[in-house]
């Protein structure tokens, strides 16, 4: 699960943040989704 605000341009594994950027989402995709 990720929490965040696309409008404010951040996602994080915790609802409190860090409210920096979308890196956690990118990293999770690389980590959890298998290559084709």
ModelCIF file with pLDDT and N, C-alpha, C, O atoms, coordinates in Angstrom:
data_MODEL
#
_entry.id   MODEL 
#
_entity.id                         1 
_entity.type                       polymer 
_entity.pdbx_number_of_molecules   1 
#
_entity_poly.entity_id                      1 
_entity_poly.type                           'polypeptide(L)' 
_entity_poly.nstd_linkage                   no 
_entity_poly.nstd_monomer                   no 
_entity_poly.pdbx_seq_one_letter_code       
;(UNK)(UNK)(UNK)(UNK)(UNK)(UNK)(UNK)(UNK)(UNK)(UNK)(UNK)(UNK)(UNK)(UNK)(UNK)(UNK)
(UNK)(UNK)(UNK)(UNK)(UNK)(UNK)(UNK)(UNK)(UNK)(UNK)(UNK)(UNK)(UNK)(UNK)(UNK)(UNK)
(UNK)(UNK)(UNK)(UNK)
;
_entity_poly.pdbx_seq_one_letter_code_can   XXXXXXXXXXXXXXXXXXXXXXXXXXXXXXXXXXXX 
_entity_poly.pdbx_strand_id                 A 
#
loop_
_entity_poly_seq.entity_id 
_entity_poly_seq.num 
_entity_poly_seq.mon_id 
_entity_poly_seq.hetero 
1 1  UNK n 
1 2  UNK n 
1 3  UNK n 
1 4  UNK n 
1 5  UNK n 
1 6  UNK n 
1 7  UNK n 
1 8  UNK n 
1 9  UNK n 
1 10 UNK n 
1 11 UNK n 
1 12 UNK n 
1 13 UNK n 
1 14 UNK n 
1 15 UNK n 
1 16 UNK n 
1 17 UNK n 
1 18 UNK n 
1 19 UNK n 
1 20 UNK n 
1 21 UNK n 
1 22 UNK n 
1 23 UNK n 
1 24 UNK n 
1 25 UNK n 
1 26 UNK n 
1 27 UNK n 
1 28 UNK n 
1 29 UNK n 
1 30 UNK n 
1 31 UNK n 
1 32 UNK n 
1 33 UNK n 
1 34 UNK n 
1 35 UNK n 
1 36 UNK n 
#
_struct_asym.id          A 
_struct_asym.entity_id   1 
#
loop_
_ma_qa_metric.id 
_ma_qa_metric.mode 
_ma_qa_metric.name 
_ma_qa_metric.software_group_id 
_ma_qa_metric.type 
1 global pLDDT . pLDDT 
2 local  pLDDT . pLDDT 
#
_ma_qa_metric_global.metric_id      1 
_ma_qa_metric_global.metric_value   85.19 
_ma_qa_metric_global.model_id       1 
_ma_qa_metric_global.ordinal_id     1 
#
loop_
_ma_qa_metric_local.label_asym_id 
_ma_qa_metric_local.label_comp_id 
_ma_qa_metric_local.label_seq_id 
_ma_qa_metric_local.metric_id 
_ma_qa_metric_local.metric_value 
_ma_qa_metric_local.model_id 
_ma_qa_metric_local.ordinal_id 
A UNK 1  2 90.00 1 1  
A UNK 2  2 89.00 1 2  
A UNK 3  2 89.00 1 3  
A UNK 4  2 86.00 1 4  
A UNK 5  2 85.00 1 5  
A UNK 6  2 81.00 1 6  
A UNK 7  2 81.00 1 7  
A UNK 8  2 81.00 1 8  
A UNK 9  2 81.00 1 9  
A UNK 10 2 84.00 1 10 
A UNK 11 2 86.00 1 11 
A UNK 12 2 87.00 1 12 
A UNK 13 2 86.00 1 13 
A UNK 14 2 82.00 1 14 
A UNK 15 2 80.00 1 15 
A UNK 16 2 80.00 1 16 
A UNK 17 2 70.00 1 17 
A UNK 18 2 81.00 1 18 
A UNK 19 2 81.00 1 19 
A UNK 20 2 83.00 1 20 
A UNK 21 2 84.00 1 21 
A UNK 22 2 83.00 1 22 
A UNK 23 2 86.00 1 23 
A UNK 24 2 86.00 1 24 
A UNK 25 2 86.00 1 25 
A UNK 26 2 88.00 1 26 
A UNK 27 2 88.00 1 27 
A UNK 28 2 90.00 1 28 
A UNK 29 2 90.00 1 29 
A UNK 30 2 90.00 1 30 
A UNK 31 2 89.00 1 31 
A UNK 32 2 89.00 1 32 
A UNK 33 2 90.00 1 33 
A UNK 34 2 89.00 1 34 
A UNK 35 2 88.00 1 35 
A UNK 36 2 88.00 1 36 
#
loop_
_atom_site.group_PDB 
_atom_site.id 
_atom_site.type_symbol 
_atom_site.label_atom_id 
_atom_site.label_alt_id 
_atom_site.label_comp_id 
_atom_site.label_asym_id 
_atom_site.label_entity_id 
_atom_site.label_seq_id 
_atom_site.pdbx_PDB_ins_code 
_atom_site.Cartn_x 
_atom_site.Cartn_y 
_atom_site.Cartn_z 
_atom_site.occupancy 
_atom_site.B_iso_or_equiv 
_atom_site.pdbx_formal_charge 
_atom_site.auth_seq_id 
_atom_site.auth_comp_id 
_atom_site.auth_asym_id 
_atom_site.auth_atom_id 
_atom_site.pdbx_PDB_model_num 
ATOM 1   N N  . UNK A 1 1  ? 0.828  -1.209  0.000   1.00 90.00 ? 1  UNK A N  1 
ATOM 2   C CA . UNK A 1 1  ? 0.000  0.000   0.000   1.00 90.00 ? 1  UNK A CA 1 
ATOM 3   C C  . UNK A 1 1  ? 0.863  1.260   0.000   1.00 90.00 ? 1  UNK A C  1 
ATOM 4   O O  . UNK A 1 1  ? 1.876  1.335   0.695   1.00 90.00 ? 1  UNK A O  1 
ATOM 5   N N  . UNK A 1 2  ? 0.444  2.242   -0.789  1.00 89.00 ? 2  UNK A N  1 
ATOM 6   C CA . UNK A 1 2  ? 1.074  3.563   -0.779  1.00 89.00 ? 2  UNK A CA 1 
ATOM 7   C C  . UNK A 1 2  ? -0.007 4.592   -0.477  1.00 89.00 ? 2  UNK A C  1 
ATOM 8   O O  . UNK A 1 2  ? -1.176 4.396   -0.809  1.00 89.00 ? 2  UNK A O  1 
ATOM 9   N N  . UNK A 1 3  ? 0.394  5.687   0.155   1.00 89.00 ? 3  UNK A N  1 
ATOM 10  C CA . UNK A 1 3  ? -0.537 6.781   0.421   1.00 89.00 ? 3  UNK A CA 1 
ATOM 11  C C  . UNK A 1 3  ? 0.041  8.031   -0.209  1.00 89.00 ? 3  UNK A C  1 
ATOM 12  O O  . UNK A 1 3  ? 1.257  8.156   -0.348  1.00 89.00 ? 3  UNK A O  1 
ATOM 13  N N  . UNK A 1 4  ? -0.827 8.960   -0.591  1.00 86.00 ? 4  UNK A N  1 
ATOM 14  C CA . UNK A 1 4  ? -0.250 10.200  -1.099  1.00 86.00 ? 4  UNK A CA 1 
ATOM 15  C C  . UNK A 1 4  ? -1.250 11.080  -1.795  1.00 86.00 ? 4  UNK A C  1 
ATOM 16  O O  . UNK A 1 4  ? -2.462 10.897  -1.682  1.00 86.00 ? 4  UNK A O  1 
ATOM 17  N N  . UNK A 1 5  ? -0.713 12.049  -2.523  1.00 85.00 ? 5  UNK A N  1 
ATOM 18  C CA . UNK A 1 5  ? -1.540 12.986  -3.250  1.00 85.00 ? 5  UNK A CA 1 
ATOM 19  C C  . UNK A 1 5  ? -0.870 13.259  -4.590  1.00 85.00 ? 5  UNK A C  1 
ATOM 20  O O  . UNK A 1 5  ? 0.195  13.873  -4.654  1.00 85.00 ? 5  UNK A O  1 
ATOM 21  N N  . UNK A 1 6  ? -1.508 12.795  -5.652  1.00 81.00 ? 6  UNK A N  1 
ATOM 22  C CA . UNK A 1 6  ? -0.934 13.014  -6.986  1.00 81.00 ? 6  UNK A CA 1 
ATOM 23  C C  . UNK A 1 6  ? -0.908 14.508  -7.283  1.00 81.00 ? 6  UNK A C  1 
ATOM 24  O O  . UNK A 1 6  ? -0.026 15.001  -7.987  1.00 81.00 ? 6  UNK A O  1 
ATOM 25  N N  . UNK A 1 7  ? -1.896 15.224  -6.732  1.00 81.00 ? 7  UNK A N  1 
ATOM 26  C CA . UNK A 1 7  ? -1.981 16.650  -6.975  1.00 81.00 ? 7  UNK A CA 1 
ATOM 27  C C  . UNK A 1 7  ? -0.780 17.359  -6.357  1.00 81.00 ? 7  UNK A C  1 
ATOM 28  O O  . UNK A 1 7  ? -0.202 18.261  -6.963  1.00 81.00 ? 7  UNK A O  1 
ATOM 29  N N  . UNK A 1 8  ? -0.406 16.940  -5.129  1.00 81.00 ? 8  UNK A N  1 
ATOM 30  C CA . UNK A 1 8  ? 0.759  17.532  -4.468  1.00 81.00 ? 8  UNK A CA 1 
ATOM 31  C C  . UNK A 1 8  ? 2.050  16.800  -4.847  1.00 81.00 ? 8  UNK A C  1 
ATOM 32  O O  . UNK A 1 8  ? 3.133  17.110  -4.349  1.00 81.00 ? 8  UNK A O  1 
ATOM 33  N N  . UNK A 1 9  ? 1.900  15.814  -5.750  1.00 81.00 ? 9  UNK A N  1 
ATOM 34  C CA . UNK A 1 9  ? 3.053  15.129  -6.344  1.00 81.00 ? 9  UNK A CA 1 
ATOM 35  C C  . UNK A 1 9  ? 3.895  14.317  -5.370  1.00 81.00 ? 9  UNK A C  1 
ATOM 36  O O  . UNK A 1 9  ? 5.122  14.325  -5.463  1.00 81.00 ? 9  UNK A O  1 
ATOM 37  N N  . UNK A 1 10 ? 3.251  13.611  -4.432  1.00 84.00 ? 10 UNK A N  1 
ATOM 38  C CA . UNK A 1 10 ? 4.040  12.694  -3.588  1.00 84.00 ? 10 UNK A CA 1 
ATOM 39  C C  . UNK A 1 10 ? 3.267  11.412  -3.288  1.00 84.00 ? 10 UNK A C  1 
ATOM 40  O O  . UNK A 1 10 ? 2.036  11.386  -3.297  1.00 84.00 ? 10 UNK A O  1 
ATOM 41  N N  . UNK A 1 11 ? 4.021  10.363  -3.026  1.00 86.00 ? 11 UNK A N  1 
ATOM 42  C CA . UNK A 1 11 ? 3.462  9.089   -2.554  1.00 86.00 ? 11 UNK A CA 1 
ATOM 43  C C  . UNK A 1 11 ? 4.450  8.558   -1.520  1.00 86.00 ? 11 UNK A C  1 
ATOM 44  O O  . UNK A 1 11 ? 5.652  8.799   -1.635  1.00 86.00 ? 11 UNK A O  1 
ATOM 45  N N  . UNK A 1 12 ? 3.959  7.840   -0.513  1.00 87.00 ? 12 UNK A N  1 
ATOM 46  C CA . UNK A 1 12 ? 4.837  7.271   0.498   1.00 87.00 ? 12 UNK A CA 1 
ATOM 47  C C  . UNK A 1 12 ? 4.207  6.020   1.077   1.00 87.00 ? 12 UNK A C  1 
ATOM 48  O O  . UNK A 1 12 ? 3.014  5.781   0.890   1.00 87.00 ? 12 UNK A O  1 
ATOM 49  N N  . UNK A 1 13 ? 5.001  5.213   1.784   1.00 86.00 ? 13 UNK A N  1 
ATOM 50  C CA . UNK A 1 13 ? 4.445  3.987   2.362   1.00 86.00 ? 13 UNK A CA 1 
ATOM 51  C C  . UNK A 1 13 ? 3.696  4.301   3.655   1.00 86.00 ? 13 UNK A C  1 
ATOM 52  O O  . UNK A 1 13 ? 3.006  3.439   4.200   1.00 86.00 ? 13 UNK A O  1 
ATOM 53  N N  . UNK A 1 14 ? 3.831  5.537   4.148   1.00 82.00 ? 14 UNK A N  1 
ATOM 54  C CA . UNK A 1 14 ? 3.155  5.935   5.371   1.00 82.00 ? 14 UNK A CA 1 
ATOM 55  C C  . UNK A 1 14 ? 2.274  7.148   5.075   1.00 82.00 ? 14 UNK A C  1 
ATOM 56  O O  . UNK A 1 14 ? 2.690  8.039   4.335   1.00 82.00 ? 14 UNK A O  1 
ATOM 57  N N  . UNK A 1 15 ? 1.056  7.199   5.644   1.00 80.00 ? 15 UNK A N  1 
ATOM 58  C CA . UNK A 1 15 ? 0.176  8.336   5.341   1.00 80.00 ? 15 UNK A CA 1 
ATOM 59  C C  . UNK A 1 15 ? 0.792  9.681   5.730   1.00 80.00 ? 15 UNK A C  1 
ATOM 60  O O  . UNK A 1 15 ? 0.434  10.714  5.165   1.00 80.00 ? 15 UNK A O  1 
ATOM 61  N N  . UNK A 1 16 ? 1.721  9.670   6.697   1.00 80.00 ? 16 UNK A N  1 
ATOM 62  C CA . UNK A 1 16 ? 2.333  10.920  7.158   1.00 80.00 ? 16 UNK A CA 1 
ATOM 63  C C  . UNK A 1 16 ? 3.449  11.406  6.231   1.00 80.00 ? 16 UNK A C  1 
ATOM 64  O O  . UNK A 1 16 ? 3.950  12.519  6.392   1.00 80.00 ? 16 UNK A O  1 
ATOM 65  N N  . UNK A 1 17 ? 3.833  10.585  5.277   1.00 70.00 ? 17 UNK A N  1 
ATOM 66  C CA . UNK A 1 17 ? 4.920  11.021  4.391   1.00 70.00 ? 17 UNK A CA 1 
ATOM 67  C C  . UNK A 1 17 ? 6.149  10.177  4.612   1.00 70.00 ? 17 UNK A C  1 
ATOM 68  O O  . UNK A 1 17 ? 6.032  9.107   5.209   1.00 70.00 ? 17 UNK A O  1 
ATOM 69  N N  . UNK A 1 18 ? 7.313  10.586  4.174   1.00 81.00 ? 18 UNK A N  1 
ATOM 70  C CA . UNK A 1 18 ? 7.740  11.892  3.656   1.00 81.00 ? 18 UNK A CA 1 
ATOM 71  C C  . UNK A 1 18 ? 6.987  12.319  2.390   1.00 81.00 ? 18 UNK A C  1 
ATOM 72  O O  . UNK A 1 18 ? 6.712  11.505  1.509   1.00 81.00 ? 18 UNK A O  1 
ATOM 73  N N  . UNK A 1 19 ? 6.664  13.606  2.322   1.00 81.00 ? 19 UNK A N  1 
ATOM 74  C CA . UNK A 1 19 ? 5.869  14.119  1.202   1.00 81.00 ? 19 UNK A CA 1 
ATOM 75  C C  . UNK A 1 19 ? 6.761  14.736  0.137   1.00 81.00 ? 19 UNK A C  1 
ATOM 76  O O  . UNK A 1 19 ? 6.554  15.875  -0.282  1.00 81.00 ? 19 UNK A O  1 
ATOM 77  N N  . UNK A 1 20 ? 7.770  13.959  -0.301  1.00 83.00 ? 20 UNK A N  1 
ATOM 78  C CA . UNK A 1 20 ? 8.790  14.529  -1.190  1.00 83.00 ? 20 UNK A CA 1 
ATOM 79  C C  . UNK A 1 20 ? 8.459  14.397  -2.666  1.00 83.00 ? 20 UNK A C  1 
ATOM 80  O O  . UNK A 1 20 ? 8.435  15.387  -3.398  1.00 83.00 ? 20 UNK A O  1 
ATOM 81  N N  . UNK A 1 21 ? 8.204  13.162  -3.101  1.00 84.00 ? 21 UNK A N  1 
ATOM 82  C CA . UNK A 1 21 ? 8.078  12.930  -4.537  1.00 84.00 ? 21 UNK A CA 1 
ATOM 83  C C  . UNK A 1 21 ? 7.438  11.569  -4.786  1.00 84.00 ? 21 UNK A C  1 
ATOM 84  O O  . UNK A 1 21 ? 6.902  10.939  -3.875  1.00 84.00 ? 21 UNK A O  1 
ATOM 85  N N  . UNK A 1 22 ? 7.507  11.132  -6.040  1.00 83.00 ? 22 UNK A N  1 
ATOM 86  C CA . UNK A 1 22 ? 6.881  9.874   -6.429  1.00 83.00 ? 22 UNK A CA 1 
ATOM 87  C C  . UNK A 1 22 ? 7.850  8.687   -6.375  1.00 83.00 ? 22 UNK A C  1 
ATOM 88  O O  . UNK A 1 22 ? 7.492  7.574   -6.760  1.00 83.00 ? 22 UNK A O  1 
ATOM 89  N N  . UNK A 1 23 ? 9.079  8.927   -5.896  1.00 86.00 ? 23 UNK A N  1 
ATOM 90  C CA . UNK A 1 23 ? 10.069 7.838   -5.890  1.00 86.00 ? 23 UNK A CA 1 
ATOM 91  C C  . UNK A 1 23 ? 9.546  6.542   -5.279  1.00 86.00 ? 23 UNK A C  1 
ATOM 92  O O  . UNK A 1 23 ? 9.768  5.473   -5.848  1.00 86.00 ? 23 UNK A O  1 
ATOM 93  N N  . UNK A 1 24 ? 8.846  6.603   -4.121  1.00 86.00 ? 24 UNK A N  1 
ATOM 94  C CA . UNK A 1 24 ? 8.388  5.345   -3.532  1.00 86.00 ? 24 UNK A CA 1 
ATOM 95  C C  . UNK A 1 24 ? 7.505  4.534   -4.480  1.00 86.00 ? 24 UNK A C  1 
ATOM 96  O O  . UNK A 1 24 ? 7.532  3.304   -4.462  1.00 86.00 ? 24 UNK A O  1 
ATOM 97  N N  . UNK A 1 25 ? 6.723  5.231   -5.307  1.00 86.00 ? 25 UNK A N  1 
ATOM 98  C CA . UNK A 1 25 ? 5.871  4.518   -6.258  1.00 86.00 ? 25 UNK A CA 1 
ATOM 99  C C  . UNK A 1 25 ? 6.723  3.860   -7.352  1.00 86.00 ? 25 UNK A C  1 
ATOM 100 O O  . UNK A 1 25 ? 6.536  2.687   -7.672  1.00 86.00 ? 25 UNK A O  1 
ATOM 101 N N  . UNK A 1 26 ? 7.654  4.624   -7.915  1.00 88.00 ? 26 UNK A N  1 
ATOM 102 C CA . UNK A 1 26 ? 8.550  4.047   -8.937  1.00 88.00 ? 26 UNK A CA 1 
ATOM 103 C C  . UNK A 1 26 ? 9.287  2.839   -8.371  1.00 88.00 ? 26 UNK A C  1 
ATOM 104 O O  . UNK A 1 26 ? 9.360  1.785   -9.004  1.00 88.00 ? 26 UNK A O  1 
ATOM 105 N N  . UNK A 1 27 ? 9.839  3.012   -7.154  1.00 88.00 ? 27 UNK A N  1 
ATOM 106 C CA . UNK A 1 27 ? 10.625 1.923   -6.559  1.00 88.00 ? 27 UNK A CA 1 
ATOM 107 C C  . UNK A 1 27 ? 9.760  0.687   -6.323  1.00 88.00 ? 27 UNK A C  1 
ATOM 108 O O  . UNK A 1 27 ? 10.204 -0.444  -6.523  1.00 88.00 ? 27 UNK A O  1 
ATOM 109 N N  . UNK A 1 28 ? 8.535  0.918   -5.901  1.00 90.00 ? 28 UNK A N  1 
ATOM 110 C CA . UNK A 1 28 ? 7.652  -0.223  -5.634  1.00 90.00 ? 28 UNK A CA 1 
ATOM 111 C C  . UNK A 1 28 ? 7.310  -0.969  -6.922  1.00 90.00 ? 28 UNK A C  1 
ATOM 112 O O  . UNK A 1 28 ? 7.228  -2.198  -6.930  1.00 90.00 ? 28 UNK A O  1 
ATOM 113 N N  . UNK A 1 29 ? 7.110  -0.222  -8.010  1.00 90.00 ? 29 UNK A N  1 
ATOM 114 C CA . UNK A 1 29 ? 6.821  -0.879  -9.288  1.00 90.00 ? 29 UNK A CA 1 
ATOM 115 C C  . UNK A 1 29 ? 7.998  -1.768  -9.691  1.00 90.00 ? 29 UNK A C  1 
ATOM 116 O O  . UNK A 1 29 ? 7.804  -2.907  -10.116 1.00 90.00 ? 29 UNK A O  1 
ATOM 117 N N  . UNK A 1 30 ? 9.226  -1.238  -9.554  1.00 90.00 ? 30 UNK A N  1 
ATOM 118 C CA . UNK A 1 30 ? 10.399 -2.025  -9.942  1.00 90.00 ? 30 UNK A CA 1 
ATOM 119 C C  . UNK A 1 30 ? 10.545 -3.254  -9.049  1.00 90.00 ? 30 UNK A C  1 
ATOM 120 O O  . UNK A 1 30 ? 10.965 -4.320  -9.500  1.00 90.00 ? 30 UNK A O  1 
ATOM 121 N N  . UNK A 1 31 ? 10.192 -3.085  -7.774  1.00 89.00 ? 31 UNK A N  1 
ATOM 122 C CA . UNK A 1 31 ? 10.378 -4.149  -6.808  1.00 89.00 ? 31 UNK A CA 1 
ATOM 123 C C  . UNK A 1 31 ? 9.295  -5.221  -6.908  1.00 89.00 ? 31 UNK A C  1 
ATOM 124 O O  . UNK A 1 31 ? 9.591  -6.414  -6.847  1.00 89.00 ? 31 UNK A O  1 
ATOM 125 N N  . UNK A 1 32 ? 8.034  -4.792  -7.064  1.00 89.00 ? 32 UNK A N  1 
ATOM 126 C CA . UNK A 1 32 ? 6.921  -5.740  -6.942  1.00 89.00 ? 32 UNK A CA 1 
ATOM 127 C C  . UNK A 1 32 ? 6.407  -6.296  -8.268  1.00 89.00 ? 32 UNK A C  1 
ATOM 128 O O  . UNK A 1 32 ? 5.751  -7.338  -8.291  1.00 89.00 ? 32 UNK A O  1 
ATOM 129 N N  . UNK A 1 33 ? 6.700  -5.607  -9.372  1.00 90.00 ? 33 UNK A N  1 
ATOM 130 C CA . UNK A 1 33 ? 6.156  -6.071  -10.653 1.00 90.00 ? 33 UNK A CA 1 
ATOM 131 C C  . UNK A 1 33 ? 7.244  -6.816  -11.409 1.00 90.00 ? 33 UNK A C  1 
ATOM 132 O O  . UNK A 1 33 ? 8.358  -6.316  -11.560 1.00 90.00 ? 33 UNK A O  1 
ATOM 133 N N  . UNK A 1 34 ? 6.921  -8.001  -11.879 1.00 89.00 ? 34 UNK A N  1 
ATOM 134 C CA . UNK A 1 34 ? 7.920  -8.804  -12.603 1.00 89.00 ? 34 UNK A CA 1 
ATOM 135 C C  . UNK A 1 34 ? 8.161  -8.206  -13.983 1.00 89.00 ? 34 UNK A C  1 
ATOM 136 O O  . UNK A 1 34 ? 7.252  -7.637  -14.588 1.00 89.00 ? 34 UNK A O  1 
ATOM 137 N N  . UNK A 1 35 ? 9.397  -8.337  -14.479 1.00 88.00 ? 35 UNK A N  1 
ATOM 138 C CA . UNK A 1 35 ? 9.629  -7.926  -15.879 1.00 88.00 ? 35 UNK A CA 1 
ATOM 139 C C  . UNK A 1 35 ? 8.810  -8.829  -16.803 1.00 88.00 ? 35 UNK A C  1 
ATOM 140 O O  . UNK A 1 35 ? 8.515  -9.967  -16.438 1.00 88.00 ? 35 UNK A O  1 
ATOM 141 N N  . UNK A 1 36 ? 8.440  -8.345  -17.989 1.00 88.00 ? 36 UNK A N  1 
ATOM 142 C CA . UNK A 1 36 ? 7.617  -9.183  -18.873 1.00 88.00 ? 36 UNK A CA 1 
ATOM 143 C C  . UNK A 1 36 ? 8.361  -10.447 -19.278 1.00 88.00 ? 36 UNK A C  1 
ATOM 144 O O  . UNK A 1 36 ? 7.824  -11.270 -20.019 1.00 88.00 ? 36 UNK A O  1 
#
